[in-house]
N, C-alpha and C. Protein backbone atom coordinates (compact mmCIF):
# COMPACT_ATOMS: atom_id res chain seq x y z
N MET A 1 258.07 210.47 109.20
CA MET A 1 256.86 210.00 108.51
C MET A 1 256.07 211.21 107.99
N GLU A 2 255.67 211.18 106.72
CA GLU A 2 254.97 212.30 106.11
C GLU A 2 253.65 212.59 106.80
N VAL A 3 252.90 211.55 107.17
CA VAL A 3 251.61 211.74 107.83
C VAL A 3 251.80 212.47 109.16
N GLU A 4 252.82 212.12 109.89
CA GLU A 4 253.09 212.75 111.18
C GLU A 4 253.40 214.24 111.00
N ILE A 5 254.13 214.60 109.96
CA ILE A 5 254.44 216.00 109.69
C ILE A 5 253.17 216.78 109.40
N ILE A 6 252.27 216.17 108.63
CA ILE A 6 250.99 216.81 108.29
C ILE A 6 250.16 217.04 109.55
N VAL A 7 250.13 216.06 110.44
CA VAL A 7 249.37 216.19 111.69
C VAL A 7 249.92 217.33 112.54
N LYS A 8 251.23 217.41 112.65
CA LYS A 8 251.85 218.45 113.48
C LYS A 8 251.72 219.84 112.85
N SER A 9 251.40 219.89 111.54
CA SER A 9 251.23 221.17 110.85
C SER A 9 249.81 221.71 110.97
N ASN A 10 248.90 220.93 111.54
CA ASN A 10 247.50 221.33 111.68
C ASN A 10 247.40 222.55 112.60
N LYS A 11 246.46 223.43 112.30
CA LYS A 11 246.28 224.66 113.09
C LYS A 11 245.88 224.40 114.53
N ARG A 12 245.40 223.18 114.80
CA ARG A 12 245.03 222.85 116.19
C ARG A 12 246.28 222.48 117.01
N ILE A 13 247.43 222.52 116.39
CA ILE A 13 248.73 222.28 117.04
C ILE A 13 248.73 220.95 117.79
N PHE A 14 248.85 219.88 117.05
CA PHE A 14 248.92 218.54 117.64
C PHE A 14 250.37 218.23 118.02
N SER A 15 250.53 217.66 119.19
CA SER A 15 251.85 217.23 119.64
C SER A 15 251.74 215.81 120.19
N GLU A 16 252.85 215.08 120.15
CA GLU A 16 252.85 213.71 120.62
C GLU A 16 252.71 213.69 122.13
N ILE A 17 251.80 212.87 122.66
CA ILE A 17 251.51 212.87 124.09
C ILE A 17 251.91 211.57 124.78
N PHE A 18 252.35 210.60 123.98
CA PHE A 18 252.67 209.30 124.56
C PHE A 18 253.71 208.64 123.67
N TYR A 19 254.53 207.82 124.25
CA TYR A 19 255.53 207.13 123.43
C TYR A 19 254.85 206.13 122.50
N SER A 20 255.42 205.93 121.33
CA SER A 20 254.84 204.96 120.40
C SER A 20 254.98 203.57 121.00
N ARG A 21 254.02 202.71 120.72
CA ARG A 21 254.05 201.35 121.26
C ARG A 21 253.38 200.39 120.30
N ILE A 22 253.65 199.12 120.51
CA ILE A 22 253.08 198.07 119.68
C ILE A 22 251.77 197.61 120.31
N VAL A 23 250.73 197.55 119.49
CA VAL A 23 249.40 197.10 119.93
C VAL A 23 249.14 195.73 119.32
N ASN A 24 248.71 194.79 120.14
CA ASN A 24 248.45 193.42 119.69
C ASN A 24 247.02 193.01 120.05
N ASN A 25 246.38 192.28 119.16
CA ASN A 25 244.99 191.87 119.38
C ASN A 25 244.74 190.44 118.92
N ILE A 26 243.91 189.73 119.67
CA ILE A 26 243.32 188.47 119.23
C ILE A 26 241.83 188.71 119.09
N TYR A 27 241.31 188.55 117.88
CA TYR A 27 239.90 188.81 117.62
C TYR A 27 239.08 187.52 117.64
N TYR A 28 237.85 187.65 118.13
CA TYR A 28 236.89 186.55 118.14
C TYR A 28 235.83 186.78 117.08
N ASP A 29 235.28 185.68 116.57
CA ASP A 29 234.14 185.78 115.67
C ASP A 29 233.41 184.44 115.68
N SER A 30 232.24 184.42 115.08
CA SER A 30 231.48 183.17 114.98
C SER A 30 232.04 182.34 113.83
N LEU A 31 231.61 181.10 113.73
CA LEU A 31 232.07 180.24 112.64
C LEU A 31 231.66 180.79 111.29
N GLY A 32 230.57 181.55 111.26
CA GLY A 32 230.10 182.15 110.01
C GLY A 32 230.60 183.57 109.81
N PHE A 33 231.55 184.01 110.65
CA PHE A 33 232.13 185.35 110.57
C PHE A 33 231.06 186.45 110.63
N SER A 34 230.17 186.32 111.60
CA SER A 34 229.08 187.30 111.72
C SER A 34 229.59 188.71 112.03
N SER A 35 230.62 188.82 112.85
CA SER A 35 231.18 190.14 113.16
C SER A 35 231.78 190.78 111.91
N PHE A 36 232.45 189.98 111.12
CA PHE A 36 233.02 190.45 109.85
C PHE A 36 231.92 190.99 108.94
N TYR A 37 230.86 190.21 108.76
CA TYR A 37 229.80 190.62 107.84
C TYR A 37 228.93 191.74 108.40
N ASP A 38 228.81 191.85 109.72
CA ASP A 38 228.11 192.99 110.31
C ASP A 38 228.81 194.29 109.91
N ASN A 39 230.13 194.25 109.89
CA ASN A 39 230.89 195.43 109.50
C ASN A 39 230.76 195.70 108.01
N ILE A 40 230.87 194.65 107.20
CA ILE A 40 230.75 194.79 105.76
C ILE A 40 229.37 195.34 105.37
N ASP A 41 228.33 194.83 106.04
CA ASP A 41 226.96 195.25 105.73
C ASP A 41 226.63 196.61 106.30
N GLY A 42 227.50 197.15 107.16
CA GLY A 42 227.26 198.48 107.72
C GLY A 42 226.18 198.51 108.78
N ASN A 43 225.99 197.39 109.49
CA ASN A 43 224.99 197.39 110.56
C ASN A 43 225.32 198.47 111.59
N THR A 44 224.33 199.25 111.95
CA THR A 44 224.58 200.40 112.83
C THR A 44 224.91 200.00 114.26
N GLU A 45 224.47 198.81 114.68
CA GLU A 45 224.79 198.35 116.03
C GLU A 45 225.55 197.02 115.93
N ARG A 46 226.77 197.02 116.41
CA ARG A 46 227.57 195.80 116.33
C ARG A 46 228.58 195.76 117.48
N LYS A 47 229.11 194.56 117.72
CA LYS A 47 230.08 194.35 118.79
C LYS A 47 231.31 193.65 118.24
N LYS A 48 232.43 193.92 118.87
CA LYS A 48 233.67 193.27 118.49
C LYS A 48 234.35 192.77 119.77
N TYR A 49 234.72 191.49 119.79
CA TYR A 49 235.34 190.88 120.96
C TYR A 49 236.83 190.64 120.68
N ARG A 50 237.69 191.06 121.64
CA ARG A 50 239.12 190.88 121.40
C ARG A 50 239.90 190.87 122.72
N ILE A 51 241.07 190.24 122.66
CA ILE A 51 242.06 190.31 123.73
C ILE A 51 243.14 191.27 123.25
N ARG A 52 243.53 192.23 124.10
CA ARG A 52 244.52 193.23 123.69
C ARG A 52 245.66 193.31 124.69
N TRP A 53 246.87 193.51 124.19
CA TRP A 53 248.02 193.79 125.05
C TRP A 53 249.01 194.65 124.27
N TYR A 54 249.95 195.25 125.01
CA TYR A 54 250.92 196.16 124.41
C TYR A 54 252.34 195.62 124.58
N GLY A 55 253.21 195.96 123.65
CA GLY A 55 254.59 195.52 123.73
C GLY A 55 254.86 194.34 122.81
N LYS A 56 255.68 193.42 123.25
CA LYS A 56 256.09 192.29 122.42
C LYS A 56 254.89 191.41 122.07
N LEU A 57 254.94 190.88 120.85
CA LEU A 57 253.83 190.05 120.36
C LEU A 57 253.88 188.64 120.91
N PHE A 58 255.09 188.09 121.06
CA PHE A 58 255.24 186.72 121.52
C PHE A 58 256.04 186.65 122.82
N GLY A 59 255.94 185.50 123.48
CA GLY A 59 256.60 185.31 124.76
C GLY A 59 255.62 185.46 125.90
N GLU A 60 256.09 185.89 127.05
CA GLU A 60 255.20 186.09 128.20
C GLU A 60 254.45 187.40 128.05
N ILE A 61 253.13 187.31 128.03
CA ILE A 61 252.27 188.48 127.85
C ILE A 61 251.75 188.93 129.21
N THR A 62 252.08 190.15 129.60
CA THR A 62 251.64 190.68 130.89
C THR A 62 250.62 191.79 130.69
N ASN A 63 249.73 191.93 131.65
CA ASN A 63 248.69 192.98 131.65
C ASN A 63 247.78 192.96 130.41
N PRO A 64 247.37 191.80 129.95
CA PRO A 64 246.42 191.76 128.83
C PRO A 64 245.02 192.14 129.32
N THR A 65 244.18 192.58 128.42
CA THR A 65 242.79 192.90 128.76
C THR A 65 241.87 192.26 127.73
N PHE A 66 240.67 191.95 128.17
CA PHE A 66 239.63 191.51 127.24
C PHE A 66 238.71 192.70 127.00
N GLU A 67 238.40 192.98 125.74
CA GLU A 67 237.60 194.15 125.41
C GLU A 67 236.39 193.77 124.56
N ILE A 68 235.31 194.46 124.83
CA ILE A 68 234.14 194.41 123.95
C ILE A 68 233.97 195.81 123.40
N LYS A 69 234.13 195.95 122.11
CA LYS A 69 234.02 197.26 121.47
C LYS A 69 232.64 197.38 120.84
N TYR A 70 231.88 198.37 121.29
CA TYR A 70 230.52 198.59 120.82
C TYR A 70 230.50 199.71 119.79
N LYS A 71 229.67 199.54 118.79
CA LYS A 71 229.48 200.56 117.77
C LYS A 71 227.99 200.79 117.58
N LYS A 72 227.54 202.02 117.83
CA LYS A 72 226.14 202.39 117.61
C LYS A 72 226.11 203.64 116.76
N GLY A 73 225.85 203.45 115.48
CA GLY A 73 225.91 204.58 114.56
C GLY A 73 227.34 205.07 114.45
N LEU A 74 227.53 206.37 114.71
CA LEU A 74 228.86 206.95 114.67
C LEU A 74 229.55 206.92 116.03
N LEU A 75 228.83 206.46 117.04
CA LEU A 75 229.37 206.44 118.39
C LEU A 75 230.02 205.09 118.69
N GLY A 76 231.11 205.15 119.42
CA GLY A 76 231.80 203.93 119.80
C GLY A 76 232.30 204.00 121.22
N TYR A 77 232.27 202.89 121.92
CA TYR A 77 232.80 202.81 123.28
C TYR A 77 233.13 201.35 123.56
N LYS A 78 233.80 201.09 124.68
CA LYS A 78 234.20 199.71 124.96
C LYS A 78 234.24 199.41 126.44
N ASP A 79 234.02 198.14 126.77
CA ASP A 79 234.18 197.62 128.13
C ASP A 79 235.50 196.86 128.18
N GLN A 80 236.18 196.93 129.32
CA GLN A 80 237.47 196.27 129.47
C GLN A 80 237.52 195.44 130.75
N TYR A 81 238.18 194.28 130.67
CA TYR A 81 238.33 193.40 131.82
C TYR A 81 239.78 192.90 131.85
N LYS A 82 240.38 192.91 133.02
CA LYS A 82 241.76 192.45 133.15
C LYS A 82 241.84 190.93 133.02
N LEU A 83 242.93 190.46 132.42
CA LEU A 83 243.17 189.03 132.27
C LEU A 83 244.50 188.67 132.93
N ASN A 84 244.65 187.40 133.25
CA ASN A 84 245.92 186.93 133.80
C ASN A 84 246.97 186.86 132.69
N SER A 85 248.23 186.89 133.08
CA SER A 85 249.32 186.77 132.11
C SER A 85 249.27 185.40 131.43
N PHE A 86 249.81 185.31 130.21
CA PHE A 86 249.85 184.03 129.51
C PHE A 86 251.05 184.01 128.57
N ILE A 87 251.32 182.85 128.00
CA ILE A 87 252.43 182.69 127.07
C ILE A 87 251.90 182.61 125.64
N MET A 88 252.47 183.42 124.77
CA MET A 88 252.09 183.41 123.36
C MET A 88 253.22 182.77 122.57
N ASP A 89 253.05 181.50 122.19
CA ASP A 89 254.07 180.79 121.43
C ASP A 89 253.42 179.71 120.56
N LYS A 90 254.21 178.80 120.03
CA LYS A 90 253.69 177.79 119.13
C LYS A 90 252.73 176.82 119.80
N HIS A 91 252.70 176.80 121.14
CA HIS A 91 251.79 175.91 121.86
C HIS A 91 250.44 176.58 122.14
N PHE A 92 250.31 177.84 121.74
CA PHE A 92 249.07 178.58 121.99
C PHE A 92 247.94 177.94 121.20
N SER A 93 246.77 177.78 121.85
CA SER A 93 245.64 177.11 121.21
C SER A 93 244.33 177.65 121.78
N ASN A 94 243.22 177.17 121.25
CA ASN A 94 241.91 177.55 121.77
C ASN A 94 241.77 177.16 123.25
N LYS A 95 242.39 176.04 123.61
CA LYS A 95 242.35 175.59 124.99
C LYS A 95 243.04 176.60 125.90
N THR A 96 244.14 177.18 125.41
CA THR A 96 244.85 178.21 126.17
C THR A 96 243.95 179.41 126.42
N ILE A 97 243.29 179.87 125.36
CA ILE A 97 242.42 181.03 125.47
C ILE A 97 241.24 180.74 126.39
N SER A 98 240.65 179.57 126.27
CA SER A 98 239.51 179.20 127.11
C SER A 98 239.90 179.22 128.58
N HIS A 99 241.11 178.74 128.87
CA HIS A 99 241.60 178.73 130.25
C HIS A 99 241.78 180.16 130.76
N ILE A 100 242.31 181.03 129.91
CA ILE A 100 242.51 182.44 130.29
C ILE A 100 241.18 183.10 130.63
N ILE A 101 240.19 182.89 129.77
CA ILE A 101 238.87 183.50 129.96
C ILE A 101 238.19 182.93 131.20
N ALA A 102 238.26 181.61 131.39
CA ALA A 102 237.59 180.95 132.52
C ALA A 102 238.11 181.46 133.86
N ASN A 103 239.38 181.85 133.91
CA ASN A 103 239.99 182.28 135.17
C ASN A 103 240.06 183.80 135.29
N SER A 104 239.20 184.49 134.55
CA SER A 104 239.17 185.95 134.59
C SER A 104 237.94 186.44 135.33
N SER A 105 237.85 187.76 135.48
CA SER A 105 236.71 188.37 136.16
C SER A 105 235.61 188.79 135.19
N ILE A 106 235.68 188.28 133.97
CA ILE A 106 234.66 188.60 132.97
C ILE A 106 233.31 188.06 133.43
N PRO A 107 232.24 188.84 133.30
CA PRO A 107 230.90 188.37 133.71
C PRO A 107 230.52 187.06 133.05
N LYS A 108 229.77 186.23 133.78
CA LYS A 108 229.39 184.90 133.29
C LYS A 108 228.64 184.97 131.96
N LYS A 109 227.82 186.00 131.80
CA LYS A 109 227.04 186.14 130.57
C LYS A 109 227.96 186.25 129.35
N ILE A 110 229.04 187.01 129.51
CA ILE A 110 229.98 187.19 128.40
C ILE A 110 230.79 185.92 128.18
N LYS A 111 231.15 185.23 129.26
CA LYS A 111 231.88 183.96 129.13
C LYS A 111 231.06 182.96 128.34
N PHE A 112 229.76 182.97 128.55
CA PHE A 112 228.88 182.05 127.81
C PHE A 112 228.88 182.41 126.33
N ILE A 113 228.82 183.70 126.02
CA ILE A 113 228.83 184.14 124.62
C ILE A 113 230.13 183.71 123.94
N LEU A 114 231.25 183.83 124.66
CA LEU A 114 232.54 183.49 124.09
C LEU A 114 232.67 182.00 123.77
N LYS A 115 231.89 181.17 124.46
CA LYS A 115 231.91 179.74 124.16
C LYS A 115 231.34 179.46 122.76
N LEU A 116 230.56 180.42 122.25
CA LEU A 116 229.96 180.27 120.93
C LEU A 116 230.82 180.90 119.83
N LEU A 117 231.91 181.56 120.25
CA LEU A 117 232.81 182.22 119.30
C LEU A 117 234.16 181.53 119.29
N THR A 118 234.99 181.90 118.33
CA THR A 118 236.33 181.31 118.23
C THR A 118 237.33 182.37 117.80
N PRO A 119 238.57 182.30 118.27
CA PRO A 119 239.60 183.24 117.82
C PRO A 119 239.88 183.05 116.33
N THR A 120 239.91 184.14 115.58
CA THR A 120 240.07 184.05 114.13
C THR A 120 241.29 184.79 113.61
N LEU A 121 241.81 185.72 114.39
CA LEU A 121 242.86 186.59 113.84
C LEU A 121 243.73 187.16 114.95
N LEU A 122 245.03 187.16 114.70
CA LEU A 122 246.01 187.84 115.56
C LEU A 122 246.62 188.96 114.74
N ASN A 123 246.59 190.18 115.26
CA ASN A 123 247.23 191.26 114.52
C ASN A 123 248.09 192.13 115.44
N SER A 124 248.98 192.87 114.81
CA SER A 124 249.93 193.69 115.55
C SER A 124 250.26 194.92 114.72
N TYR A 125 250.44 196.07 115.37
CA TYR A 125 250.81 197.29 114.65
C TYR A 125 251.42 198.29 115.62
N ARG A 126 252.12 199.27 115.06
CA ARG A 126 252.71 200.34 115.87
C ARG A 126 251.75 201.51 115.91
N ARG A 127 251.61 202.12 117.08
CA ARG A 127 250.68 203.24 117.25
C ARG A 127 251.38 204.44 117.87
N LYS A 128 251.11 205.62 117.31
CA LYS A 128 251.59 206.89 117.88
C LYS A 128 250.39 207.73 118.28
N TYR A 129 250.56 208.54 119.32
CA TYR A 129 249.44 209.29 119.91
C TYR A 129 249.73 210.79 119.88
N PHE A 130 248.70 211.56 119.47
CA PHE A 130 248.83 213.01 119.41
C PHE A 130 247.59 213.67 120.01
N GLN A 131 247.77 214.90 120.50
CA GLN A 131 246.65 215.63 121.09
C GLN A 131 246.74 217.10 120.70
N SER A 132 245.58 217.73 120.45
CA SER A 132 245.55 219.15 120.09
C SER A 132 245.90 220.00 121.30
N SER A 133 246.32 221.22 121.07
CA SER A 133 246.75 222.09 122.16
C SER A 133 245.62 222.39 123.14
N ASN A 134 244.36 222.37 122.67
CA ASN A 134 243.22 222.60 123.56
C ASN A 134 242.74 221.31 124.23
N LYS A 135 243.43 220.20 123.94
CA LYS A 135 243.17 218.89 124.54
C LYS A 135 241.78 218.34 124.23
N ILE A 136 241.18 218.84 123.16
CA ILE A 136 239.84 218.38 122.76
C ILE A 136 239.93 217.20 121.79
N TYR A 137 240.90 217.26 120.89
CA TYR A 137 241.00 216.24 119.84
C TYR A 137 242.28 215.41 120.00
N ARG A 138 242.12 214.12 119.76
CA ARG A 138 243.26 213.19 119.80
C ARG A 138 243.37 212.48 118.46
N ILE A 139 244.58 212.20 118.07
CA ILE A 139 244.83 211.49 116.82
C ILE A 139 245.76 210.32 117.11
N THR A 140 245.45 209.17 116.52
CA THR A 140 246.36 208.04 116.55
C THR A 140 246.79 207.72 115.13
N ILE A 141 248.04 207.34 114.97
CA ILE A 141 248.58 206.93 113.68
C ILE A 141 249.10 205.51 113.81
N ASP A 142 248.57 204.61 113.01
CA ASP A 142 248.95 203.20 113.06
C ASP A 142 249.66 202.81 111.76
N ASP A 143 250.77 202.06 111.90
CA ASP A 143 251.46 201.53 110.73
C ASP A 143 252.14 200.22 111.09
N ASN A 144 252.90 199.67 110.15
CA ASN A 144 253.59 198.38 110.34
C ASN A 144 252.62 197.28 110.79
N GLN A 145 251.53 197.14 110.06
CA GLN A 145 250.50 196.17 110.43
C GLN A 145 250.89 194.75 109.98
N GLY A 146 250.64 193.80 110.86
CA GLY A 146 250.86 192.40 110.54
C GLY A 146 249.68 191.55 110.97
N PHE A 147 249.30 190.56 110.16
CA PHE A 147 248.15 189.72 110.45
C PHE A 147 248.55 188.25 110.44
N TYR A 148 248.10 187.49 111.44
CA TYR A 148 248.40 186.07 111.55
C TYR A 148 247.10 185.28 111.74
N PRO A 149 246.94 184.16 111.06
CA PRO A 149 245.77 183.30 111.33
C PRO A 149 245.96 182.57 112.64
N ILE A 150 244.86 182.26 113.33
CA ILE A 150 244.91 181.48 114.57
C ILE A 150 244.15 180.18 114.36
N LYS A 151 244.83 179.07 114.60
CA LYS A 151 244.21 177.75 114.48
C LYS A 151 243.81 177.24 115.85
N ASN A 152 242.98 176.21 115.86
CA ASN A 152 242.58 175.61 117.14
C ASN A 152 243.79 175.05 117.88
N ILE A 153 244.71 174.46 117.13
CA ILE A 153 245.95 173.91 117.70
C ILE A 153 247.09 174.13 116.71
N ASN A 154 248.31 173.83 117.14
CA ASN A 154 249.49 173.89 116.28
C ASN A 154 249.66 175.24 115.60
N ASN A 155 249.75 176.27 116.42
CA ASN A 155 249.96 177.62 115.89
C ASN A 155 251.46 177.94 115.81
N SER A 156 252.02 177.82 114.63
CA SER A 156 253.44 178.15 114.46
C SER A 156 253.63 179.66 114.27
N PHE A 157 252.57 180.35 113.80
CA PHE A 157 252.61 181.79 113.54
C PHE A 157 253.71 182.17 112.54
N LEU A 158 254.00 181.26 111.63
CA LEU A 158 254.99 181.54 110.61
C LEU A 158 254.38 182.28 109.42
N GLN A 159 253.07 182.15 109.25
CA GLN A 159 252.38 182.81 108.14
C GLN A 159 251.92 184.19 108.59
N CYS A 160 252.50 185.22 107.99
CA CYS A 160 252.15 186.59 108.36
C CYS A 160 251.91 187.42 107.11
N PHE A 161 250.83 188.18 107.11
CA PHE A 161 250.52 189.08 106.00
C PHE A 161 250.75 190.51 106.48
N HIS A 162 251.59 191.24 105.75
CA HIS A 162 251.91 192.60 106.13
C HIS A 162 251.07 193.60 105.34
N ASP A 163 250.76 194.71 105.98
CA ASP A 163 250.01 195.79 105.35
C ASP A 163 250.80 197.08 105.59
N GLU A 164 251.26 197.70 104.51
CA GLU A 164 252.09 198.89 104.62
C GLU A 164 251.28 200.18 104.72
N SER A 165 249.95 200.08 104.71
CA SER A 165 249.12 201.29 104.78
C SER A 165 249.21 201.93 106.16
N VAL A 166 248.94 203.23 106.19
CA VAL A 166 248.95 204.00 107.43
C VAL A 166 247.52 204.42 107.75
N VAL A 167 247.11 204.21 109.00
CA VAL A 167 245.74 204.53 109.42
C VAL A 167 245.78 205.67 110.42
N LEU A 168 245.09 206.75 110.10
CA LEU A 168 244.95 207.89 111.00
C LEU A 168 243.52 207.96 111.51
N GLU A 169 243.37 208.08 112.82
CA GLU A 169 242.03 208.14 113.41
C GLU A 169 241.92 209.35 114.32
N LEU A 170 240.86 210.12 114.13
CA LEU A 170 240.58 211.30 114.96
C LEU A 170 239.56 210.92 116.01
N LYS A 171 239.84 211.24 117.29
CA LYS A 171 238.97 210.85 118.39
C LYS A 171 238.61 212.08 119.23
N TYR A 172 237.33 212.13 119.63
CA TYR A 172 236.86 213.27 120.41
C TYR A 172 235.48 212.96 120.98
N LYS A 173 235.06 213.76 121.94
CA LYS A 173 233.72 213.60 122.52
C LYS A 173 232.69 214.14 121.54
N THR A 174 231.50 213.59 121.57
CA THR A 174 230.47 213.95 120.60
C THR A 174 230.10 215.44 120.64
N ILE A 175 230.26 216.08 121.77
CA ILE A 175 229.90 217.51 121.88
C ILE A 175 230.82 218.38 121.02
N TYR A 176 231.94 217.83 120.59
CA TYR A 176 232.88 218.59 119.77
C TYR A 176 232.83 218.15 118.31
N ASP A 177 231.76 217.50 117.93
CA ASP A 177 231.65 216.96 116.58
C ASP A 177 231.69 218.06 115.52
N GLU A 178 231.01 219.16 115.78
CA GLU A 178 230.94 220.24 114.79
C GLU A 178 232.33 220.79 114.47
N GLY A 179 233.15 220.97 115.48
CA GLY A 179 234.48 221.52 115.26
C GLY A 179 235.46 220.56 114.63
N SER A 180 235.10 219.28 114.58
CA SER A 180 236.02 218.28 114.04
C SER A 180 236.30 218.50 112.56
N GLU A 181 235.34 219.07 111.84
CA GLU A 181 235.53 219.30 110.41
C GLU A 181 236.67 220.29 110.15
N LYS A 182 236.85 221.23 111.07
CA LYS A 182 237.94 222.20 110.90
C LYS A 182 239.30 221.51 111.02
N VAL A 183 239.31 220.41 111.76
CA VAL A 183 240.54 219.64 111.88
C VAL A 183 240.78 218.81 110.62
N THR A 184 239.77 218.06 110.21
CA THR A 184 239.92 217.15 109.08
C THR A 184 240.06 217.86 107.74
N ASN A 185 239.46 219.06 107.62
CA ASN A 185 239.53 219.79 106.35
C ASN A 185 240.96 220.21 105.99
N GLU A 186 241.82 220.25 106.97
CA GLU A 186 243.21 220.63 106.71
C GLU A 186 244.06 219.45 106.24
N PHE A 187 243.51 218.25 106.36
CA PHE A 187 244.26 217.06 105.96
C PHE A 187 244.02 216.75 104.49
N PRO A 188 245.06 216.43 103.75
CA PRO A 188 244.91 216.08 102.33
C PRO A 188 244.58 214.60 102.15
N PHE A 189 243.80 214.05 103.10
CA PHE A 189 243.45 212.64 103.06
C PHE A 189 241.98 212.49 102.73
N ARG A 190 241.66 211.39 102.13
CA ARG A 190 240.26 211.04 101.87
C ARG A 190 239.76 210.19 103.04
N LEU A 191 238.71 210.66 103.69
CA LEU A 191 238.15 209.94 104.83
C LEU A 191 237.41 208.70 104.34
N THR A 192 237.77 207.55 104.88
CA THR A 192 237.12 206.30 104.48
C THR A 192 236.84 205.45 105.71
N LYS A 193 235.94 204.52 105.54
CA LYS A 193 235.67 203.54 106.58
C LYS A 193 236.82 202.54 106.63
N ASN A 194 237.29 202.23 107.82
CA ASN A 194 238.42 201.31 107.93
C ASN A 194 238.24 200.39 109.13
N SER A 195 238.55 199.13 108.95
CA SER A 195 238.52 198.16 110.03
C SER A 195 239.72 197.24 109.87
N LYS A 196 240.62 197.24 110.85
CA LYS A 196 241.77 196.35 110.77
C LYS A 196 241.32 194.89 110.78
N TYR A 197 240.25 194.62 111.53
CA TYR A 197 239.76 193.24 111.57
C TYR A 197 239.28 192.79 110.19
N VAL A 198 238.48 193.61 109.54
CA VAL A 198 237.98 193.27 108.21
C VAL A 198 239.14 193.13 107.22
N ASN A 199 240.09 194.05 107.26
CA ASN A 199 241.24 193.98 106.36
C ASN A 199 242.04 192.69 106.60
N GLY A 200 242.23 192.35 107.87
CA GLY A 200 242.98 191.15 108.20
C GLY A 200 242.29 189.88 107.75
N ILE A 201 240.99 189.79 107.98
CA ILE A 201 240.24 188.60 107.57
C ILE A 201 240.26 188.44 106.05
N ASN A 202 240.14 189.56 105.35
CA ASN A 202 240.20 189.49 103.88
C ASN A 202 241.56 188.98 103.40
N LYS A 203 242.62 189.42 104.06
CA LYS A 203 243.96 189.00 103.67
C LYS A 203 244.20 187.51 103.98
N LEU A 204 243.72 187.08 105.15
CA LEU A 204 244.01 185.71 105.59
C LEU A 204 243.10 184.67 104.96
N TYR A 205 241.82 185.02 104.81
CA TYR A 205 240.85 184.01 104.37
C TYR A 205 240.25 184.32 103.00
N GLY A 206 240.48 185.51 102.50
CA GLY A 206 239.97 185.87 101.18
C GLY A 206 238.46 185.83 101.10
N LEU A 207 237.78 186.20 102.20
CA LEU A 207 236.32 186.20 102.17
C LEU A 207 235.82 187.27 101.20
N GLN A 208 234.84 186.91 100.43
CA GLN A 208 234.27 187.83 99.46
C GLN A 208 232.81 188.08 99.83
N PHE A 209 232.31 189.20 99.38
CA PHE A 209 230.90 189.50 99.62
C PHE A 209 230.33 190.13 98.36
N CYS A 210 229.04 190.00 98.21
CA CYS A 210 228.42 190.57 97.03
C CYS A 210 227.03 191.09 97.39
N THR A 211 226.52 191.96 96.54
CA THR A 211 225.20 192.51 96.72
C THR A 211 224.28 191.93 95.64
N ILE A 212 223.14 191.40 96.04
CA ILE A 212 222.20 190.81 95.11
C ILE A 212 221.00 191.74 94.98
N ASN A 213 220.75 192.22 93.80
CA ASN A 213 219.59 193.08 93.56
C ASN A 213 218.40 192.21 93.17
N ILE A 214 217.35 192.31 93.97
CA ILE A 214 216.14 191.54 93.70
C ILE A 214 215.13 192.43 92.99
N ILE A 215 214.78 192.06 91.79
CA ILE A 215 213.86 192.88 90.98
C ILE A 215 212.43 192.43 91.22
């Protein structure tokens, strides 16, 4: 992969630190897609709710976690809670997810919030992991993205939208923010805002947004 060669050519000497694996997510949102529009509008404080697991997308899912990903300005962090194993197949439904959440160790306050949300998107992609020789900076490279709509019932998962784009993300502690430019300046890439959830929702539902100028 050309992107991988460029990463390994960086003066910070990035090397692969983990085997590549498949990342799978079920995203939650409100009926009005408030999480989607919070991202589109660039709200500085927002949350993203999802179920995540690694490996095969369908069949018996082991070691899944429920995550709340927080974004405050340029800072991001997440809370994680273990979930029981479940089966991902054509019988998967909102009732299945509700049962998984109800029998988890997720705090009651969050369980109540989830009752007001609904699963909107299933996505899957391959991820590779790299780390600089000084162990300060980490890079992930994601490709082979696939997006599936999730219905309340009767999920055949036959409808899949593929995205051939490659996503590179640089990760580090805030105290090393100043030095991060020396890493990114060596890349011949244009830095842009990216959200797999937003991309997936646009592909599946074709949601549009516009800006209205009030004079």
